[in-house]
């Protein structure tokens, strides 16, 4: 993407949250974020990247479900 003149967003210098956004764009094709060029991301995506994005998104969802379940079962009693 750098060869096309598309730079990394200014707000993501070192944080790494752009990876989550890229994965969500690959998994959900109708998602159209306005914070960067999503067409360029889809244009440069390989089939291997899509498989990894699905794995990453699924693992993230399962992690959240486990976290919420543990917090519900073992959290403080109010």
PDB file of N, CA and C in Angstrom:
ATOM      1  N   UNK A   1       0.826  -1.184   0.000  1.00  0.00           N
ATOM      2  CA  UNK A   1       0.000   0.000   0.000  1.00  0.00           C
ATOM      3  C   UNK A   1       0.871   1.249   0.000  1.00  0.00           C
ATOM      4  N   UNK A   2       2.080   1.135   0.540  1.00  0.00           N
ATOM      5  CA  UNK A   2       2.975   2.288   0.525  1.00  0.00           C
ATOM      6  C   UNK A   2       3.386   2.641  -0.894  1.00  0.00           C
ATOM      7  N   UNK A   3       3.480   1.639  -1.785  1.00  0.00           N
ATOM      8  CA  UNK A   3       3.820   1.906  -3.177  1.00  0.00           C
ATOM      9  C   UNK A   3       2.751   2.731  -3.871  1.00  0.00           C
ATOM     10  N   UNK A   4       1.506   2.622  -3.409  1.00  0.00           N
ATOM     11  CA  UNK A   4       0.404   3.405  -3.963  1.00  0.00           C
ATOM     12  C   UNK A   4       0.292   4.779  -3.313  1.00  0.00           C
ATOM     13  N   UNK A   5       1.123   5.049  -2.321  1.00  0.00           N
ATOM     14  CA  UNK A   5       1.073   6.334  -1.637  1.00  0.00           C
ATOM     15  C   UNK A   5       0.114   6.376  -0.469  1.00  0.00           C
ATOM     16  N   UNK A   6      -0.353   5.218  -0.028  1.00  0.00           N
ATOM     17  CA  UNK A   6      -1.282   5.147   1.101  1.00  0.00           C
ATOM     18  C   UNK A   6      -0.453   4.929   2.358  1.00  0.00           C
ATOM     19  N   UNK A   7      -0.485   5.877   3.246  1.00  0.00           N
ATOM     20  CA  UNK A   7       0.292   5.818   4.487  1.00  0.00           C
ATOM     21  C   UNK A   7      -0.543   5.232   5.620  1.00  0.00           C
ATOM     22  N   UNK A   8       0.154   4.778   6.658  1.00  0.00           N
ATOM     23  CA  UNK A   8      -0.505   4.292   7.871  1.00  0.00           C
ATOM     24  C   UNK A   8      -1.200   5.468   8.549  1.00  0.00           C
ATOM     25  N   UNK A   9      -2.398   5.248   9.102  1.00  0.00           N
ATOM     26  CA  UNK A   9      -3.104   6.347   9.770  1.00  0.00           C
ATOM     27  C   UNK A   9      -2.264   6.959  10.894  1.00  0.00           C
ATOM     28  N   UNK A  10      -2.377   8.254  11.062  1.00  0.00           N
ATOM     29  CA  UNK A  10      -1.605   8.979  12.069  1.00  0.00           C
ATOM     30  C   UNK A  10      -1.964   8.513  13.472  1.00  0.00           C
ATOM     31  N   UNK A  11      -3.216   8.166  13.700  1.00  0.00           N
ATOM     32  CA  UNK A  11      -3.665   7.800  15.040  1.00  0.00           C
ATOM     33  C   UNK A  11      -3.168   6.422  15.461  1.00  0.00           C
ATOM     34  N   UNK A  12      -2.543   5.664  14.555  1.00  0.00           N
ATOM     35  CA  UNK A  12      -2.114   4.315  14.907  1.00  0.00           C
ATOM     36  C   UNK A  12      -0.597   4.162  14.842  1.00  0.00           C
ATOM     37  N   UNK A  13       0.127   5.115  15.320  1.00  0.00           N
ATOM     38  CA  UNK A  13       1.582   5.009  15.340  1.00  0.00           C
ATOM     39  C   UNK A  13       2.008   4.302  16.622  1.00  0.00           C
ATOM     40  N   UNK A  14       2.145   2.969  16.561  1.00  0.00           N
ATOM     41  CA  UNK A  14       2.657   2.215  17.688  1.00  0.00           C
ATOM     42  C   UNK A  14       1.627   1.503  18.533  1.00  0.00           C
ATOM     43  N   UNK A  15       0.359   1.827  18.418  1.00  0.00           N
ATOM     44  CA  UNK A  15      -0.662   1.205  19.254  1.00  0.00           C
ATOM     45  C   UNK A  15      -1.005  -0.191  18.756  1.00  0.00           C
ATOM     46  N   UNK A  16      -1.140  -0.379  17.463  1.00  0.00           N
ATOM     47  CA  UNK A  16      -1.429  -1.685  16.893  1.00  0.00           C
ATOM     48  C   UNK A  16      -2.893  -2.007  16.727  1.00  0.00           C
ATOM     49  N   UNK A  17      -3.761  -1.058  16.942  1.00  0.00           N
ATOM     50  CA  UNK A  17      -5.194  -1.335  16.819  1.00  0.00           C
ATOM     51  C   UNK A  17      -5.644  -1.440  15.365  1.00  0.00           C
ATOM     52  N   UNK A  18      -4.795  -1.091  14.425  1.00  0.00           N
ATOM     53  CA  UNK A  18      -5.171  -1.182  13.025  1.00  0.00           C
ATOM     54  C   UNK A  18      -5.335  -2.634  12.588  1.00  0.00           C
ATOM     55  N   UNK A  19      -4.627  -3.560  13.234  1.00  0.00           N
ATOM     56  CA  UNK A  19      -4.760  -4.973  12.897  1.00  0.00           C
ATOM     57  C   UNK A  19      -6.157  -5.505  13.130  1.00  0.00           C
ATOM     58  N   UNK A  20      -6.767  -5.073  14.201  1.00  0.00           N
ATOM     59  CA  UNK A  20      -8.149  -5.469  14.501  1.00  0.00           C
ATOM     60  C   UNK A  20      -9.080  -4.935  13.422  1.00  0.00           C
ATOM     61  N   UNK A  21      -8.875  -3.693  13.032  1.00  0.00           N
ATOM     62  CA  UNK A  21      -9.717  -3.082  12.012  1.00  0.00           C
ATOM     63  C   UNK A  21      -9.546  -3.783  10.673  1.00  0.00           C
ATOM     64  N   UNK A  22      -8.308  -4.098  10.287  1.00  0.00           N
ATOM     65  CA  UNK A  22      -8.065  -4.825   9.045  1.00  0.00           C
ATOM     66  C   UNK A  22      -8.753  -6.187   9.066  1.00  0.00           C
ATOM     67  N   UNK A  23      -8.667  -6.904  10.178  1.00  0.00           N
ATOM     68  CA  UNK A  23      -9.300  -8.222  10.284  1.00  0.00           C
ATOM     69  C   UNK A  23     -10.809  -8.117  10.149  1.00  0.00           C
ATOM     70  N   UNK A  24     -11.399  -7.107  10.780  1.00  0.00           N
ATOM     71  CA  UNK A  24     -12.853  -6.936  10.686  1.00  0.00           C
ATOM     72  C   UNK A  24     -13.285  -6.588   9.265  1.00  0.00           C
ATOM     73  N   UNK A  25     -12.465  -5.818   8.546  1.00  0.00           N
ATOM     74  CA  UNK A  25     -12.789  -5.481   7.165  1.00  0.00           C
ATOM     75  C   UNK A  25     -12.754  -6.723   6.286  1.00  0.00           C
ATOM     76  N   UNK A  26     -11.808  -7.621   6.545  1.00  0.00           N
ATOM     77  CA  UNK A  26     -11.708  -8.844   5.748  1.00  0.00           C
ATOM     78  C   UNK A  26     -12.848  -9.816   6.053  1.00  0.00           C
ATOM     79  N   UNK A  27     -13.278  -9.872   7.300  1.00  0.00           N
ATOM     80  CA  UNK A  27     -14.329 -10.814   7.697  1.00  0.00           C
ATOM     81  C   UNK A  27     -15.710 -10.289   7.309  1.00  0.00           C
ATOM     82  N   UNK A  28     -15.945  -8.997   7.476  1.00  0.00           N
ATOM     83  CA  UNK A  28     -17.247  -8.390   7.173  1.00  0.00           C
ATOM     84  C   UNK A  28     -17.103  -7.460   5.974  1.00  0.00           C
ATOM     85  N   UNK A  29     -17.369  -7.948   4.760  1.00  0.00           N
ATOM     86  CA  UNK A  29     -17.125  -7.156   3.559  1.00  0.00           C
ATOM     87  C   UNK A  29     -17.998  -5.906   3.430  1.00  0.00           C
ATOM     88  N   UNK A  30     -19.143  -5.872   4.079  1.00  0.00           N
ATOM     89  CA  UNK A  30     -20.009  -4.693   3.970  1.00  0.00           C
ATOM     90  C   UNK A  30     -19.596  -3.567   4.909  1.00  0.00           C
ATOM     91  N   UNK A  31     -18.635  -3.847   5.777  1.00  0.00           N
ATOM     92  CA  UNK A  31     -18.137  -2.843   6.715  1.00  0.00           C
ATOM     93  C   UNK A  31     -17.314  -1.809   5.944  1.00  0.00           C
ATOM     94  N   UNK A  32     -17.649  -0.529   6.085  1.00  0.00           N
ATOM     95  CA  UNK A  32     -16.953   0.524   5.360  1.00  0.00           C
ATOM     96  C   UNK A  32     -16.521   1.630   6.326  1.00  0.00           C
ATOM     97  N   UNK A  33     -15.399   1.423   7.010  1.00  0.00           N
ATOM     98  CA  UNK A  33     -14.942   2.458   7.947  1.00  0.00           C
ATOM     99  C   UNK A  33     -14.446   3.693   7.201  1.00  0.00           C
ATOM    100  N   UNK A  34     -14.570   4.829   7.832  1.00  0.00           N
ATOM    101  CA  UNK A  34     -14.151   6.082   7.197  1.00  0.00           C
ATOM    102  C   UNK A  34     -12.776   6.529   7.659  1.00  0.00           C
ATOM    103  N   UNK A  35     -12.117   5.753   8.522  1.00  0.00           N
ATOM    104  CA  UNK A  35     -10.855   6.206   9.083  1.00  0.00           C
ATOM    105  C   UNK A  35      -9.657   5.929   8.191  1.00  0.00           C
ATOM    106  N   UNK A  36      -9.812   5.059   7.159  1.00  0.00           N
ATOM    107  CA  UNK A  36      -8.738   4.819   6.203  1.00  0.00           C
ATOM    108  C   UNK A  36      -9.325   4.196   4.941  1.00  0.00           C
ATOM    109  N   UNK A  37      -8.492   3.953   3.947  1.00  0.00           N
ATOM    110  CA  UNK A  37      -8.921   3.456   2.646  1.00  0.00           C
ATOM    111  C   UNK A  37      -9.199   1.954   2.700  1.00  0.00           C
ATOM    112  N   UNK A  38     -10.455   1.592   2.894  1.00  0.00           N
ATOM    113  CA  UNK A  38     -10.821   0.181   3.020  1.00  0.00           C
ATOM    114  C   UNK A  38     -10.768  -0.542   1.689  1.00  0.00           C
ATOM    115  N   UNK A  39     -10.954   0.165   0.568  1.00  0.00           N
ATOM    116  CA  UNK A  39     -10.847  -0.483  -0.740  1.00  0.00           C
ATOM    117  C   UNK A  39      -9.429  -0.976  -0.996  1.00  0.00           C
ATOM    118  N   UNK A  40      -8.437  -0.220  -0.562  1.00  0.00           N
ATOM    119  CA  UNK A  40      -7.045  -0.635  -0.730  1.00  0.00           C
ATOM    120  C   UNK A  40      -6.747  -1.879   0.098  1.00  0.00           C
ATOM    121  N   UNK A  41      -7.326  -1.964   1.282  1.00  0.00           N
ATOM    122  CA  UNK A  41      -7.125  -3.144   2.126  1.00  0.00           C
ATOM    123  C   UNK A  41      -7.707  -4.367   1.438  1.00  0.00           C
ATOM    124  N   UNK A  42      -8.897  -4.255   0.909  1.00  0.00           N
ATOM    125  CA  UNK A  42      -9.521  -5.391   0.229  1.00  0.00           C
ATOM    126  C   UNK A  42      -8.778  -5.759  -1.054  1.00  0.00           C
ATOM    127  N   UNK A  43      -8.236  -4.768  -1.725  1.00  0.00           N
ATOM    128  CA  UNK A  43      -7.509  -5.007  -2.972  1.00  0.00           C
ATOM    129  C   UNK A  43      -6.210  -5.783  -2.727  1.00  0.00           C
ATOM    130  N   UNK A  44      -5.563  -5.563  -1.592  1.00  0.00           N
ATOM    131  CA  UNK A  44      -4.285  -6.194  -1.290  1.00  0.00           C
ATOM    132  C   UNK A  44      -4.413  -7.434  -0.406  1.00  0.00           C
ATOM    133  N   UNK A  45      -5.621  -7.858  -0.108  1.00  0.00           N
ATOM    134  CA  UNK A  45      -5.837  -9.010   0.761  1.00  0.00           C
ATOM    135  C   UNK A  45      -5.673 -10.309  -0.016  1.00  0.00           C
ATOM    136  N   UNK A  46      -4.865 -11.207   0.539  1.00  0.00           N
ATOM    137  CA  UNK A  46      -4.702 -12.540  -0.046  1.00  0.00           C
ATOM    138  C   UNK A  46      -5.679 -13.500   0.623  1.00  0.00           C
ATOM    139  N   UNK A  47      -5.845 -14.676   0.039  1.00  0.00           N
ATOM    140  CA  UNK A  47      -6.732 -15.682   0.618  1.00  0.00           C
ATOM    141  C   UNK A  47      -6.219 -16.122   1.988  1.00  0.00           C
ATOM    142  N   UNK A  48      -4.911 -16.219   2.130  1.00  0.00           N
ATOM    143  CA  UNK A  48      -4.299 -16.573   3.412  1.00  0.00           C
ATOM    144  C   UNK A  48      -4.639 -15.533   4.479  1.00  0.00           C
ATOM    145  N   UNK A  49      -4.654 -14.256   4.100  1.00  0.00           N
ATOM    146  CA  UNK A  49      -4.993 -13.191   5.043  1.00  0.00           C
ATOM    147  C   UNK A  49      -6.444 -13.302   5.508  1.00  0.00           C
ATOM    148  N   UNK A  50      -7.322 -13.675   4.602  1.00  0.00           N
ATOM    149  CA  UNK A  50      -8.737 -13.835   4.969  1.00  0.00           C
ATOM    150  C   UNK A  50      -8.919 -14.974   5.970  1.00  0.00           C
ATOM    151  N   UNK A  51      -8.201 -16.068   5.751  1.00  0.00           N
ATOM    152  CA  UNK A  51      -8.292 -17.209   6.675  1.00  0.00           C
ATOM    153  C   UNK A  51      -7.778 -16.803   8.052  1.00  0.00           C
ATOM    154  N   UNK A  52      -6.654 -16.107   8.089  1.00  0.00           N
ATOM    155  CA  UNK A  52      -6.114 -15.643   9.371  1.00  0.00           C
ATOM    156  C   UNK A  52      -7.038 -14.638  10.051  1.00  0.00           C
ATOM    157  N   UNK A  53      -7.689 -13.787   9.267  1.00  0.00           N
ATOM    158  CA  UNK A  53      -8.628 -12.812   9.832  1.00  0.00           C
ATOM    159  C   UNK A  53      -9.833 -13.508  10.446  1.00  0.00           C
ATOM    160  N   UNK A  54     -10.330 -14.554   9.783  1.00  0.00           N
ATOM    161  CA  UNK A  54     -11.446 -15.321  10.355  1.00  0.00           C
ATOM    162  C   UNK A  54     -11.027 -16.000  11.658  1.00  0.00           C
ATOM    163  N   UNK A  55      -9.837 -16.589  11.662  1.00  0.00           N
ATOM    164  CA  UNK A  55      -9.331 -17.229  12.879  1.00  0.00           C
ATOM    165  C   UNK A  55      -9.182 -16.203  14.000  1.00  0.00           C
ATOM    166  N   UNK A  56      -8.610 -15.054  13.699  1.00  0.00           N
ATOM    167  CA  UNK A  56      -8.380 -13.998  14.684  1.00  0.00           C
ATOM    168  C   UNK A  56      -9.705 -13.488  15.260  1.00  0.00           C
ATOM    169  N   UNK A  57     -10.667 -13.232  14.391  1.00  0.00           N
ATOM    170  CA  UNK A  57     -11.962 -12.716  14.846  1.00  0.00           C
ATOM    171  C   UNK A  57     -12.703 -13.760  15.680  1.00  0.00           C
ATOM    172  N   UNK A  58     -12.646 -15.026  15.282  1.00  0.00           N
ATOM    173  CA  UNK A  58     -13.288 -16.095  16.039  1.00  0.00           C
ATOM    174  C   UNK A  58     -12.632 -16.258  17.407  1.00  0.00           C
ATOM    175  N   UNK A  59     -11.309 -16.237  17.442  1.00  0.00           N
ATOM    176  CA  UNK A  59     -10.602 -16.355  18.721  1.00  0.00           C
ATOM    177  C   UNK A  59     -10.928 -15.184  19.638  1.00  0.00           C
ATOM    178  N   UNK A  60     -11.049 -13.992  19.076  1.00  0.00           N
ATOM    179  CA  UNK A  60     -11.406 -12.805  19.864  1.00  0.00           C
ATOM    180  C   UNK A  60     -12.811 -12.946  20.448  1.00  0.00           C
ATOM    181  N   UNK A  61     -13.745 -13.431  19.646  1.00  0.00           N
ATOM    182  CA  UNK A  61     -15.120 -13.615  20.114  1.00  0.00           C
ATOM    183  C   UNK A  61     -15.184 -14.668  21.222  1.00  0.00           C
ATOM    184  N   UNK A  62     -14.494 -15.777  21.029  1.00  0.00           N
ATOM    185  CA  UNK A  62     -14.480 -16.833  22.052  1.00  0.00           C
ATOM    186  C   UNK A  62     -13.840 -16.328  23.342  1.00  0.00           C
ATOM    187  N   UNK A  63     -12.782 -15.543  23.223  1.00  0.00           N
ATOM    188  CA  UNK A  63     -12.130 -14.976  24.410  1.00  0.00           C
ATOM    189  C   UNK A  63     -13.078 -14.071  25.187  1.00  0.00           C
ATOM    190  N   UNK A  64     -13.843 -13.244  24.475  1.00  0.00           N
ATOM    191  CA  UNK A  64     -14.798 -12.370  25.151  1.00  0.00           C
ATOM    192  C   UNK A  64     -15.905 -13.169  25.829  1.00  0.00           C
ATOM    193  N   UNK A  65     -16.380 -14.222  25.175  1.00  0.00           N
ATOM    194  CA  UNK A  65     -17.416 -15.055  25.784  1.00  0.00           C
ATOM    195  C   UNK A  65     -16.895 -15.721  27.052  1.00  0.00           C
ATOM    196  N   UNK A  66     -15.690 -16.265  27.008  1.00  0.00           N
ATOM    197  CA  UNK A  66     -15.094 -16.887  28.195  1.00  0.00           C
ATOM    198  C   UNK A  66     -14.895 -15.853  29.296  1.00  0.00           C
ATOM    199  N   UNK A  67     -14.408 -14.677  28.940  1.00  0.00           N
ATOM    200  CA  UNK A  67     -14.167 -13.626  29.930  1.00  0.00           C
ATOM    201  C   UNK A  67     -15.464 -13.203  30.615  1.00  0.00           C
ATOM    202  N   UNK A  68     -16.515 -13.005  29.825  1.00  0.00           N
ATOM    203  CA  UNK A  68     -17.791 -12.599  30.418  1.00  0.00           C
ATOM    204  C   UNK A  68     -18.402 -13.711  31.270  1.00  0.00           C
ATOM    205  N   UNK A  69     -18.249 -14.956  30.843  1.00  0.00           N
ATOM    206  CA  UNK A  69     -18.758 -16.084  31.623  1.00  0.00           C
ATOM    207  C   UNK A  69     -18.044 -16.200  32.967  1.00  0.00           C
ATOM    208  N   UNK A  70     -16.720 -16.077  32.949  1.00  0.00           N
ATOM    209  CA  UNK A  70     -15.949 -16.148  34.197  1.00  0.00           C
ATOM    210  C   UNK A  70     -16.291 -14.969  35.102  1.00  0.00           C
ATOM    211  N   UNK A  71     -16.448 -13.787  34.532  1.00  0.00           N
ATOM    212  CA  UNK A  71     -16.805 -12.616  35.338  1.00  0.00           C
ATOM    213  C   UNK A  71     -18.193 -12.780  35.957  1.00  0.00           C
ATOM    214  N   UNK A  72     -19.115 -13.394  35.225  1.00  0.00           N
ATOM    215  CA  UNK A  72     -20.460 -13.611  35.748  1.00  0.00           C
ATOM    216  C   UNK A  72     -20.470 -14.671  36.848  1.00  0.00           C
ATOM    217  N   UNK A  73     -19.752 -15.764  36.630  1.00  0.00           N
ATOM    218  CA  UNK A  73     -19.776 -16.869  37.589  1.00  0.00           C
ATOM    219  C   UNK A  73     -18.940 -16.590  38.835  1.00  0.00           C
ATOM    220  N   UNK A  74     -17.804 -15.940  38.681  1.00  0.00           N
ATOM    221  CA  UNK A  74     -16.880 -15.769  39.798  1.00  0.00           C
ATOM    222  C   UNK A  74     -16.690 -14.319  40.226  1.00  0.00           C
ATOM    223  N   UNK A  75     -17.515 -13.428  39.701  1.00  0.00           N
ATOM    224  CA  UNK A  75     -17.405 -12.017  40.068  1.00  0.00           C
ATOM    225  C   UNK A  75     -17.937 -11.750  41.446  1.00  0.00           C
ATOM    226  N   UNK A  76     -17.820 -10.508  41.893  1.00  0.00           N
ATOM    227  CA  UNK A  76     -18.296 -10.170  43.238  1.00  0.00           C
ATOM    228  C   UNK A  76     -19.812 -10.303  43.347  1.00  0.00           C
ATOM    229  N   UNK A  77     -20.254 -10.741  44.482  1.00  0.00           N
ATOM    230  CA  UNK A  77     -21.701 -10.897  44.720  1.00  0.00           C
ATOM    231  C   UNK A  77     -22.257  -9.580  45.239  1.00  0.00           C
ATOM    232  N   UNK A  78     -23.153  -9.003  44.485  1.00  0.00           N
ATOM    233  CA  UNK A  78     -23.790  -7.736  44.904  1.00  0.00           C
ATOM    234  C   UNK A  78     -25.274  -7.931  45.082  1.00  0.00           C
TER     235      UNK A  78
END
